[in-house]
C-alpha atoms as a PDB file:
ATOM      1  CA  MET A   1      33.788 -13.971 -19.873  1.00  0.00           C
ATOM      2  CA  ASP A   2      31.631 -14.228 -22.651  1.00  0.00           C
ATOM      3  CA  ASN A   3      29.155 -11.384 -21.346  1.00  0.00           C
ATOM      4  CA  ILE A   4      32.098  -9.055 -20.766  1.00  0.00           C
ATOM      5  CA  ASN A   5      33.184  -9.506 -24.464  1.00  0.00           C
ATOM      6  CA  GLU A   6      29.658  -9.079 -25.638  1.00  0.00           C
ATOM      7  CA  ASN A   7      29.400  -5.697 -23.701  1.00  0.00           C
ATOM      8  CA  TYR A   8      32.920  -4.663 -24.432  1.00  0.00           C
ATOM      9  CA  ASN A   9      34.281  -3.474 -27.874  1.00  0.00           C
ATOM     10  CA  LYS A  10      37.919  -4.053 -27.801  1.00  0.00           C
ATOM     11  CA  LYS A  11      38.629  -2.264 -30.992  1.00  0.00           C
ATOM     12  CA  GLU A  12      37.070   1.035 -29.943  1.00  0.00           C
ATOM     13  CA  GLY A  13      37.725   0.455 -26.027  1.00  0.00           C
ATOM     14  CA  LYS A  14      34.711   1.089 -24.690  1.00  0.00           C
ATOM     15  CA  LEU A  15      31.532  -0.279 -23.241  1.00  0.00           C
ATOM     16  CA  GLN A  16      28.793  -0.723 -25.927  1.00  0.00           C
ATOM     17  CA  ASN A  17      25.586  -1.106 -23.575  1.00  0.00           C
ATOM     18  CA  TYR A  18      25.363   0.419 -19.971  1.00  0.00           C
ATOM     19  CA  VAL A  19      23.071   2.575 -17.706  1.00  0.00           C
ATOM     20  CA  ILE A  20      24.563   5.408 -15.730  1.00  0.00           C
ATOM     21  CA  PHE A  21      22.949   5.857 -12.346  1.00  0.00           C
ATOM     22  CA  PRO A  22      23.603   8.900  -9.925  1.00  0.00           C
ATOM     23  CA  ARG A  23      25.465   8.242  -7.049  1.00  0.00           C
ATOM     24  CA  GLN A  24      23.107  10.315  -5.047  1.00  0.00           C
ATOM     25  CA  LEU A  25      20.915   7.077  -4.886  1.00  0.00           C
ATOM     26  CA  ALA A  26      23.184   5.470  -2.631  1.00  0.00           C
ATOM     27  CA  SER A  27      23.379   8.568  -0.221  1.00  0.00           C
ATOM     28  CA  ASP A  28      19.480   8.866  -0.180  1.00  0.00           C
ATOM     29  CA  TYR A  29      18.947   5.040   0.414  1.00  0.00           C
ATOM     30  CA  ARG A  30      21.530   5.370   3.687  1.00  0.00           C
ATOM     31  CA  ASN A  31      19.708   8.314   4.569  1.00  0.00           C
ATOM     32  CA  ARG A  32      16.235   6.735   4.531  1.00  0.00           C
ATOM     33  CA  VAL A  33      15.018   9.228   1.726  1.00  0.00           C
ATOM     34  CA  ILE A  34      14.164   6.083  -0.575  1.00  0.00           C
ATOM     35  CA  THR A  35      13.098   2.798   0.775  1.00  0.00           C
ATOM     36  CA  LEU A  36      14.712  -0.484  -0.654  1.00  0.00           C
ATOM     37  CA  ASP A  37      11.342  -1.421  -2.357  1.00  0.00           C
ATOM     38  CA  GLU A  38      11.304   2.403  -3.972  1.00  0.00           C
ATOM     39  CA  LEU A  39      15.155   1.854  -4.896  1.00  0.00           C
ATOM     40  CA  SER A  40      14.470  -1.483  -6.617  1.00  0.00           C
ATOM     41  CA  ILE A  41      11.637  -0.467  -8.831  1.00  0.00           C
ATOM     42  CA  HIS A  42      13.902   2.858  -9.804  1.00  0.00           C
ATOM     43  CA  ASN A  43      16.728   0.689 -10.661  1.00  0.00           C
ATOM     44  CA  TRP A  44      14.830  -1.949 -12.541  1.00  0.00           C
ATOM     45  CA  LEU A  45      12.643   0.658 -14.727  1.00  0.00           C
ATOM     46  CA  ARG A  46      16.189   2.618 -15.403  1.00  0.00           C
ATOM     47  CA  LEU A  47      17.878  -0.564 -16.409  1.00  0.00           C
ATOM     48  CA  ASN A  48      14.973  -1.184 -18.937  1.00  0.00           C
ATOM     49  CA  ALA A  49      14.860   2.428 -20.290  1.00  0.00           C
ATOM     50  CA  ASN A  50      15.569   3.105 -23.897  1.00  0.00           C
ATOM     51  CA  LEU A  51      18.160   5.447 -25.197  1.00  0.00           C
ATOM     52  CA  TYR A  52      16.105   8.695 -24.492  1.00  0.00           C
ATOM     53  CA  GLY A  53      15.692   7.703 -20.878  1.00  0.00           C
ATOM     54  CA  SER A  54      12.036   6.545 -20.755  1.00  0.00           C
ATOM     55  CA  SER A  55      10.873   2.956 -19.932  1.00  0.00           C
ATOM     56  CA  THR A  56       7.344   1.521 -20.551  1.00  0.00           C
ATOM     57  CA  THR A  57       5.949  -0.619 -17.791  1.00  0.00           C
ATOM     58  CA  SER A  58       2.553  -1.572 -16.101  1.00  0.00           C
ATOM     59  CA  LEU A  59       1.925  -2.342 -12.437  1.00  0.00           C
ATOM     60  CA  SER A  60       1.526  -6.028 -13.088  1.00  0.00           C
ATOM     61  CA  ASP A  61       4.938  -6.241 -15.063  1.00  0.00           C
ATOM     62  CA  LEU A  62       6.414  -4.680 -12.113  1.00  0.00           C
ATOM     63  CA  SER A  63       4.694  -7.206  -9.814  1.00  0.00           C
ATOM     64  CA  ASN A  64       5.638 -10.203 -11.809  1.00  0.00           C
ATOM     65  CA  ASP A  65       9.170  -9.289 -13.101  1.00  0.00           C
ATOM     66  CA  LEU A  66      10.726  -7.617 -10.319  1.00  0.00           C
ATOM     67  CA  PHE A  67       8.687  -8.963  -7.361  1.00  0.00           C
ATOM     68  CA  ARG A  68       7.640 -12.445  -8.851  1.00  0.00           C
ATOM     69  CA  GLY A  69       3.917 -11.551  -7.951  1.00  0.00           C
ATOM     70  CA  ARG A  70       4.824 -11.326  -4.260  1.00  0.00           C
ATOM     71  CA  LYS A  71       3.721  -7.750  -4.248  1.00  0.00           C
ATOM     72  CA  SER A  72       0.018  -6.333  -4.998  1.00  0.00           C
ATOM     73  CA  GLU A  73      -0.534  -3.861  -7.748  1.00  0.00           C
ATOM     74  CA  ASN A  74      -1.819  -1.371  -5.305  1.00  0.00           C
ATOM     75  CA  TYR A  75       1.228  -1.529  -3.370  1.00  0.00           C
ATOM     76  CA  ILE A  76       3.630  -0.940  -6.642  1.00  0.00           C
ATOM     77  CA  ASN A  77       1.104   1.967  -7.334  1.00  0.00           C
ATOM     78  CA  LYS A  78       1.825   3.582  -4.127  1.00  0.00           C
ATOM     79  CA  LEU A  79       5.837   2.959  -4.547  1.00  0.00           C
ATOM     80  CA  ILE A  80       5.883   4.717  -8.097  1.00  0.00           C
ATOM     81  CA  LEU A  81       3.742   7.285  -6.785  1.00  0.00           C
ATOM     82  CA  SER A  82       6.292   7.858  -3.686  1.00  0.00           C
ATOM     83  CA  LEU A  83       9.047   7.943  -6.434  1.00  0.00           C
ATOM     84  CA  LYS A  84       7.332  10.627  -8.500  1.00  0.00           C
ATOM     85  CA  ARG A  85       6.547  12.880  -5.372  1.00  0.00           C
ATOM     86  CA  LYS A  86      10.317  12.703  -4.343  1.00  0.00           C
ATOM     87  CA  ARG A  87      11.135  13.525  -7.820  1.00  0.00           C
ATOM     88  CA  TYR A  88      12.965  10.404  -8.874  1.00  0.00           C
ATOM     89  CA  ILE A  89      10.776   9.776 -11.869  1.00  0.00           C
ATOM     90  CA  TYR A  90       7.735  11.401 -14.002  1.00  0.00           C
ATOM     91  CA  TYR A  91       4.899   9.853 -15.758  1.00  0.00           C
ATOM     92  CA  LYS A  92       1.814  11.371 -16.709  1.00  0.00           C
ATOM     93  CA  SER A  93      -1.423  11.327 -14.565  1.00  0.00           C
ATOM     94  CA  ARG A  94      -2.950   7.934 -14.292  1.00  0.00           C
ATOM     95  CA  SER A  95      -5.760   8.493 -12.009  1.00  0.00           C
ATOM     96  CA  GLY A  96      -8.310   5.962 -12.882  1.00  0.00           C
ATOM     97  CA  CYS A  97      -5.950   4.154 -15.631  1.00  0.00           C
ATOM     98  CA  ARG A  98      -4.856   0.700 -16.061  1.00  0.00           C
ATOM     99  CA  GLY A  99      -2.187  -0.783 -18.279  1.00  0.00           C
ATOM    100  CA  SER A 100       0.977   0.341 -19.571  1.00  0.00           C
ATOM    101  CA  PHE A 101       2.581   3.656 -18.962  1.00  0.00           C
ATOM    102  CA  GLU A 102       5.854   5.711 -19.779  1.00  0.00           C
ATOM    103  CA  VAL A 103       8.269   6.499 -16.951  1.00  0.00           C
ATOM    104  CA  LYS A 104      10.841   9.248 -17.830  1.00  0.00           C
ATOM    105  CA  PHE A 105      14.269   9.632 -15.955  1.00  0.00           C
ATOM    106  CA  GLY A 106      16.413  12.374 -15.357  1.00  0.00           C
ATOM    107  CA  ASP A 107      20.280  12.734 -15.066  1.00  0.00           C
ATOM    108  CA  PHE A 108      20.070  10.178 -18.306  1.00  0.00           C
ATOM    109  CA  ARG A 109      22.942  11.085 -21.036  1.00  0.00           C
ATOM    110  CA  LEU A 110      21.144  10.698 -24.430  1.00  0.00           C
ATOM    111  CA  PRO A 111      22.934   9.864 -27.840  1.00  0.00           C
ATOM    112  CA  THR A 112      23.311  13.455 -28.452  1.00  0.00           C
ATOM    113  CA  GLY A 113      25.351  14.000 -25.335  1.00  0.00           C
ATOM    114  CA  VAL A 114      22.646  16.022 -23.578  1.00  0.00           C
ATOM    115  CA  VAL A 115      21.867  14.704 -20.037  1.00  0.00           C
ATOM    116  CA  THR A 116      18.131  14.612 -19.368  1.00  0.00           C
ATOM    117  CA  SER A 117      16.259  16.525 -16.338  1.00  0.00           C
ATOM    118  CA  LEU A 118      13.131  16.165 -14.925  1.00  0.00           C
ATOM    119  CA  ASP A 119      12.630  20.068 -13.809  1.00  0.00           C
ATOM    120  CA  LYS A 120      10.710  20.903 -16.926  1.00  0.00           C
ATOM    121  CA  TYR A 121       7.900  18.399 -15.927  1.00  0.00           C
ATOM    122  CA  PHE A 122       7.679  19.802 -11.980  1.00  0.00           C
ATOM    123  CA  ASN A 123       6.883  23.342 -11.034  1.00  0.00           C
ATOM    124  CA  ILE A 124      10.228  24.849 -10.021  1.00  0.00           C
ATOM    125  CA  THR A 125      10.490  27.495  -7.776  1.00  0.00           C
ATOM    126  CA  GLU A 126      13.403  29.465  -6.416  1.00  0.00           C
ATOM    127  CA  VAL A 127      13.649  27.405  -3.093  1.00  0.00           C
ATOM    128  CA  ARG A 128      13.985  23.718  -4.193  1.00  0.00           C
ATOM    129  CA  GLY A 129      11.979  22.369  -1.229  1.00  0.00           C
ATOM    130  CA  GLU A 130       9.134  24.416  -2.446  1.00  0.00           C
ATOM    131  CA  ILE A 131       8.758  22.343  -5.753  1.00  0.00           C
ATOM    132  CA  VAL A 132       5.240  21.184  -6.197  1.00  0.00           C
ATOM    133  CA  ASP A 133       4.443  18.182  -8.633  1.00  0.00           C
ATOM    134  CA  GLU A 134       1.107  19.410 -10.150  1.00  0.00           C
ATOM    135  CA  ALA A 135       0.846  15.778 -12.152  1.00  0.00           C
ATOM    136  CA  VAL A 136       0.593  14.220  -8.529  1.00  0.00           C
ATOM    137  CA  GLN A 137      -2.044  16.370  -7.541  1.00  0.00           C
ATOM    138  CA  LYS A 138      -3.910  15.430 -10.077  1.00  0.00           C
ATOM    139  CA  SER A 139      -3.598  12.003  -9.442  1.00  0.00           C
ATOM    140  CA  GLU A 140      -4.628  12.148  -5.826  1.00  0.00           C
ATOM    141  CA  PRO A 141      -8.478  13.141  -5.122  1.00  0.00           C
ATOM    142  CA  ILE A 142      -7.386  14.573  -1.826  1.00  0.00           C
ATOM    143  CA  GLN A 143      -5.598  17.122  -3.804  1.00  0.00           C
ATOM    144  CA  ASN A 144      -8.719  18.446  -5.865  1.00  0.00           C
ATOM    145  CA  LEU A 145      -9.838  20.752  -3.352  1.00  0.00           C
ATOM    146  CA  PRO A 146     -11.613  24.471  -4.159  1.00  0.00           C
ATOM    147  CA  ASN A 147      -8.962  27.150  -4.112  1.00  0.00           C
ATOM    148  CA  ALA A 148      -5.851  24.635  -4.174  1.00  0.00           C
ATOM    149  CA  SER A 149      -3.850  27.199  -6.258  1.00  0.00           C
ATOM    150  CA  GLN A 150      -4.172  30.093  -3.759  1.00  0.00           C
ATOM    151  CA  ARG A 151      -3.601  27.690  -0.694  1.00  0.00           C
ATOM    152  CA  ILE A 152      -0.397  26.544  -2.691  1.00  0.00           C
ATOM    153  CA  ASN A 153       0.744  30.155  -3.190  1.00  0.00           C
ATOM    154  CA  ASP A 154       0.176  31.119   0.301  1.00  0.00           C
ATOM    155  CA  ILE A 155       2.364  27.893   1.370  1.00  0.00           C
ATOM    156  CA  ARG A 156       5.307  29.052  -0.597  1.00  0.00           C
ATOM    157  CA  LYS A 157       4.939  32.562   0.622  1.00  0.00           C
ATOM    158  CA  ASP A 158       5.177  30.965   4.207  1.00  0.00           C
ATOM    159  CA  ILE A 159       8.248  28.916   3.391  1.00  0.00           C
ATOM    160  CA  SER A 160       9.949  31.959   1.638  1.00  0.00           C
ATOM    161  CA  SER A 161       9.487  33.852   5.027  1.00  0.00           C
ATOM    162  CA  ILE A 162      10.802  31.009   6.972  1.00  0.00           C
ATOM    163  CA  VAL A 163      14.198  30.664   4.706  1.00  0.00           C
ATOM    164  CA  SER A 164      14.377  34.478   5.031  1.00  0.00           C
ATOM    165  CA  THR A 165      13.908  34.255   9.031  1.00  0.00           C
ATOM    166  CA  PHE A 166      16.021  31.361  10.131  1.00  0.00           C
ATOM    167  CA  SER A 167      18.974  31.955   7.748  1.00  0.00           C
ATOM    168  CA  LYS A 168      19.011  35.369   9.682  1.00  0.00           C
ATOM    169  CA  GLY A 169      19.672  33.558  13.020  1.00  0.00           C
ATOM    170  CA  VAL A 170      16.427  34.681  14.550  1.00  0.00           C
ATOM    171  CA  GLN A 171      16.118  32.852  17.897  1.00  0.00           C
ATOM    172  CA  VAL A 172      12.423  31.755  17.904  1.00  0.00           C
ATOM    173  CA  ARG A 173      11.360  28.016  17.829  1.00  0.00           C
ATOM    174  CA  ALA A 174       7.993  28.437  15.799  1.00  0.00           C
ATOM    175  CA  SER A 175       5.527  30.789  14.540  1.00  0.00           C
ATOM    176  CA  ASN A 176       4.014  32.587  17.679  1.00  0.00           C
ATOM    177  CA  ASN A 177       0.743  33.914  16.290  1.00  0.00           C
ATOM    178  CA  ASP A 178      -2.902  33.108  16.881  1.00  0.00           C
ATOM    179  CA  LYS A 179      -2.703  30.475  14.046  1.00  0.00           C
ATOM    180  CA  ASP A 180       0.246  28.553  14.883  1.00  0.00           C
ATOM    181  CA  ASN A 181       0.634  29.142  18.687  1.00  0.00           C
ATOM    182  CA  TYR A 182       2.680  26.192  20.327  1.00  0.00           C
ATOM    183  CA  LYS A 183       5.759  25.916  22.337  1.00  0.00           C
ATOM    184  CA  GLU A 184       8.412  23.271  22.966  1.00  0.00           C
ATOM    185  CA  LYS A 185       6.845  21.852  26.231  1.00  0.00           C
ATOM    186  CA  ASP A 186       3.134  21.564  24.360  1.00  0.00           C
ATOM    187  CA  LEU A 187       4.835  19.570  21.830  1.00  0.00           C
ATOM    188  CA  SER A 188       7.006  17.186  23.891  1.00  0.00           C
ATOM    189  CA  SER A 189       4.232  16.736  26.550  1.00  0.00           C
ATOM    190  CA  SER A 190       3.499  13.430  25.128  1.00  0.00           C
ATOM    191  CA  PHE A 191       7.103  12.235  25.443  1.00  0.00           C
ATOM    192  CA  LYS A 192       8.103  13.195  29.025  1.00  0.00           C
ATOM    193  CA  VAL A 193      10.070   9.839  29.531  1.00  0.00           C
ATOM    194  CA  GLU A 194      13.663   9.528  28.318  1.00  0.00           C
ATOM    195  CA  THR A 195      13.196  12.668  25.872  1.00  0.00           C
ATOM    196  CA  ASN A 196      17.028  13.631  26.501  1.00  0.00           C
ATOM    197  CA  LEU A 197      19.110  12.374  23.875  1.00  0.00           C
ATOM    198  CA  SER A 198      21.746  10.906  26.177  1.00  0.00           C
ATOM    199  CA  GLU A 199      19.064   8.974  27.848  1.00  0.00           C
ATOM    200  CA  PHE A 200      16.615   8.038  24.721  1.00  0.00           C
ATOM    201  CA  LYS A 201      16.291   4.368  23.727  1.00  0.00           C
ATOM    202  CA  PRO A 202      14.693   3.954  20.198  1.00  0.00           C
ATOM    203  CA  LYS A 203      12.126   1.196  20.283  1.00  0.00           C
ATOM    204  CA  ASN A 204      11.752   0.711  16.504  1.00  0.00           C
ATOM    205  CA  LEU A 205      13.464   2.080  13.280  1.00  0.00           C
ATOM    206  CA  ASP A 206      11.217   5.090  13.193  1.00  0.00           C
ATOM    207  CA  GLU A 207      12.302   6.278  16.540  1.00  0.00           C
ATOM    208  CA  GLN A 208      15.955   5.398  15.597  1.00  0.00           C
ATOM    209  CA  TYR A 209      15.863   7.817  12.592  1.00  0.00           C
ATOM    210  CA  CYS A 210      14.250  10.530  14.791  1.00  0.00           C
ATOM    211  CA  LEU A 211      17.357  10.108  17.193  1.00  0.00           C
ATOM    212  CA  THR A 212      19.581  10.432  14.023  1.00  0.00           C
ATOM    213  CA  LEU A 213      17.668  13.674  12.978  1.00  0.00           C
ATOM    214  CA  ALA A 214      17.657  15.179  16.548  1.00  0.00           C
ATOM    215  CA  GLU A 215      21.600  14.683  16.597  1.00  0.00           C
ATOM    216  CA  LYS A 216      22.097  16.361  12.955  1.00  0.00           C
ATOM    217  CA  LEU A 217      20.006  19.210  14.203  1.00  0.00           C
ATOM    218  CA  GLU A 218      21.868  19.539  17.447  1.00  0.00           C
ATOM    219  CA  GLU A 219      18.503  19.283  19.610  1.00  0.00           C
ATOM    220  CA  LYS A 220      18.808  18.810  23.481  1.00  0.00           C
ATOM    221  CA  ASN A 221      15.742  16.619  23.577  1.00  0.00           C
ATOM    222  CA  MET A 222      13.493  14.273  21.478  1.00  0.00           C
ATOM    223  CA  GLY A 223      10.483  16.078  22.038  1.00  0.00           C
ATOM    224  CA  PHE A 224       9.797  18.151  18.885  1.00  0.00           C
ATOM    225  CA  ILE A 225      11.205  15.239  16.654  1.00  0.00           C
ATOM    226  CA  LEU A 226       8.852  12.713  18.333  1.00  0.00           C
ATOM    227  CA  SER A 227       5.955  14.869  18.257  1.00  0.00           C
ATOM    228  CA  SER A 228       6.523  15.552  14.732  1.00  0.00           C
ATOM    229  CA  LEU A 229       6.732  11.803  13.716  1.00  0.00           C
ATOM    230  CA  LYS A 230       3.345  11.049  15.576  1.00  0.00           C
ATOM    231  CA  LYS A 231       1.533  13.979  14.032  1.00  0.00           C
ATOM    232  CA  TYR A 232       3.088  13.957  10.386  1.00  0.00           C
ATOM    233  CA  GLY A 233       4.649  10.687   9.981  1.00  0.00           C
ATOM    234  CA  ARG A 234       7.924   9.707   8.958  1.00  0.00           C
ATOM    235  CA  GLU A 235       7.301  10.213   5.267  1.00  0.00           C
ATOM    236  CA  THR A 236       7.023  13.769   5.870  1.00  0.00           C
ATOM    237  CA  LEU A 237      10.000  14.089   8.020  1.00  0.00           C
ATOM    238  CA  GLU A 238      12.235  12.337   5.254  1.00  0.00           C
ATOM    239  CA  LYS A 239      10.911  14.806   2.940  1.00  0.00           C
ATOM    240  CA  ALA A 240      11.581  17.846   5.085  1.00  0.00           C
ATOM    241  CA  TRP A 241      15.116  16.867   5.748  1.00  0.00           C
ATOM    242  CA  ARG A 242      15.891  16.313   2.426  1.00  0.00           C
ATOM    243  CA  ASP A 243      14.359  19.783   1.811  1.00  0.00           C
ATOM    244  CA  PHE A 244      16.659  21.255   4.683  1.00  0.00           C
ATOM    245  CA  GLN A 245      19.721  19.654   3.290  1.00  0.00           C
ATOM    246  CA  GLU A 246      19.311  21.165   0.004  1.00  0.00           C
ATOM    247  CA  GLN A 247      18.523  24.592   1.412  1.00  0.00           C
ATOM    248  CA  GLU A 248      21.618  24.158   3.971  1.00  0.00           C
ATOM    249  CA  GLN A 249      23.864  24.060   0.974  1.00  0.00           C
ATOM    250  CA  LYS A 250      22.595  27.652  -0.314  1.00  0.00           C
ATOM    251  CA  THR A 251      22.639  29.263   3.157  1.00  0.00           C
ATOM    252  CA  LYS A 252      23.777  29.075   6.523  1.00  0.00           C
ATOM    253  CA  ILE A 253      20.928  28.133   8.717  1.00  0.00           C
ATOM    254  CA  ILE A 254      21.520  29.472  12.349  1.00  0.00           C
ATOM    255  CA  ASN A 255      18.478  27.974  14.334  1.00  0.00           C
ATOM    256  CA  ARG A 256      18.482  24.498  12.980  1.00  0.00           C
ATOM    257  CA  GLY A 257      15.769  22.840  14.777  1.00  0.00           C
ATOM    258  CA  ALA A 258      13.480  25.720  14.366  1.00  0.00           C
ATOM    259  CA  TYR A 259      13.815  25.978  10.849  1.00  0.00           C
ATOM    260  CA  PHE A 260      13.222  22.070  10.213  1.00  0.00           C
ATOM    261  CA  ASN A 261      10.016  21.987  12.470  1.00  0.00           C
ATOM    262  CA  SER A 262       8.681  24.870  10.358  1.00  0.00           C
ATOM    263  CA  LEU A 263       9.621  22.678   7.073  1.00  0.00           C
ATOM    264  CA  VAL A 264       7.896  19.896   8.513  1.00  0.00           C
ATOM    265  CA  LYS A 265       4.781  21.550   9.077  1.00  0.00           C
ATOM    266  CA  LYS A 266       4.726  23.304   5.581  1.00  0.00           C
ATOM    267  CA  THR A 267       5.903  20.078   3.615  1.00  0.00           C
ATOM    268  CA  TYR A 268       2.791  18.467   5.345  1.00  0.00           C
ATOM    269  CA  ASP A 269       0.400  21.185   4.307  1.00  0.00           C
ATOM    270  CA  LEU A 270       1.729  21.060   0.741  1.00  0.00           C
ATOM    271  CA  GLY A 271       1.118  17.205   0.637  1.00  0.00           C
ATOM    272  CA  ASN A 272      -2.330  17.701   1.900  1.00  0.00           C
END
């Protein structure tokens, strides 16, 4: 009861010390866009943020304070990098750096009444699924390749073309040219057993996630989703599905499976 009294001013009738969390976090966790450990780090840092939506921390602090030293700093670093890629947080490039660093949050109400946004820290384009985190690129050696800017521009054009194509209901499965020439029977050839949705029996959480995706995409078999999981990994599927949902709110997507598979390929290209 004393704790409640400390945080509640009876005279003014309002809470004195609190932090607002977007409800989208719960939805993203249920849809497996964000993992439990990522959610834990996000929530811990947000709870410790100052009035201006910034939290100062270090890999060792996160390991000791949040996980009681049971998680390595290398693992913690992967988690915060993933949170940044998914645009839940922002921090400056830390390539080769140790020690404390500042983490910024969006959807944080400032004392002035203004709500913060992370958009200014990222390279925002028309289609939200095309967002590129330039700071993450700098922090990952694999991103520092020759002609990277031109490559990203080409990918953006491809995604814009995909959005235009599939929102008009063109009944094609994927690009049918010399560069990307593949068909359903080619992709599903490795999954000939129990590929129909009604017969498919998931053997692990990844396959269960793929089955859920296939149902939402109104697929008839599991070939494409399982092939994408094997080739690109679950993280790429989760990112592509998130972008798919955001785009679906803006325009009607007729050929859902074809559009999603194209997004998966472009998402993978953009991250590599």
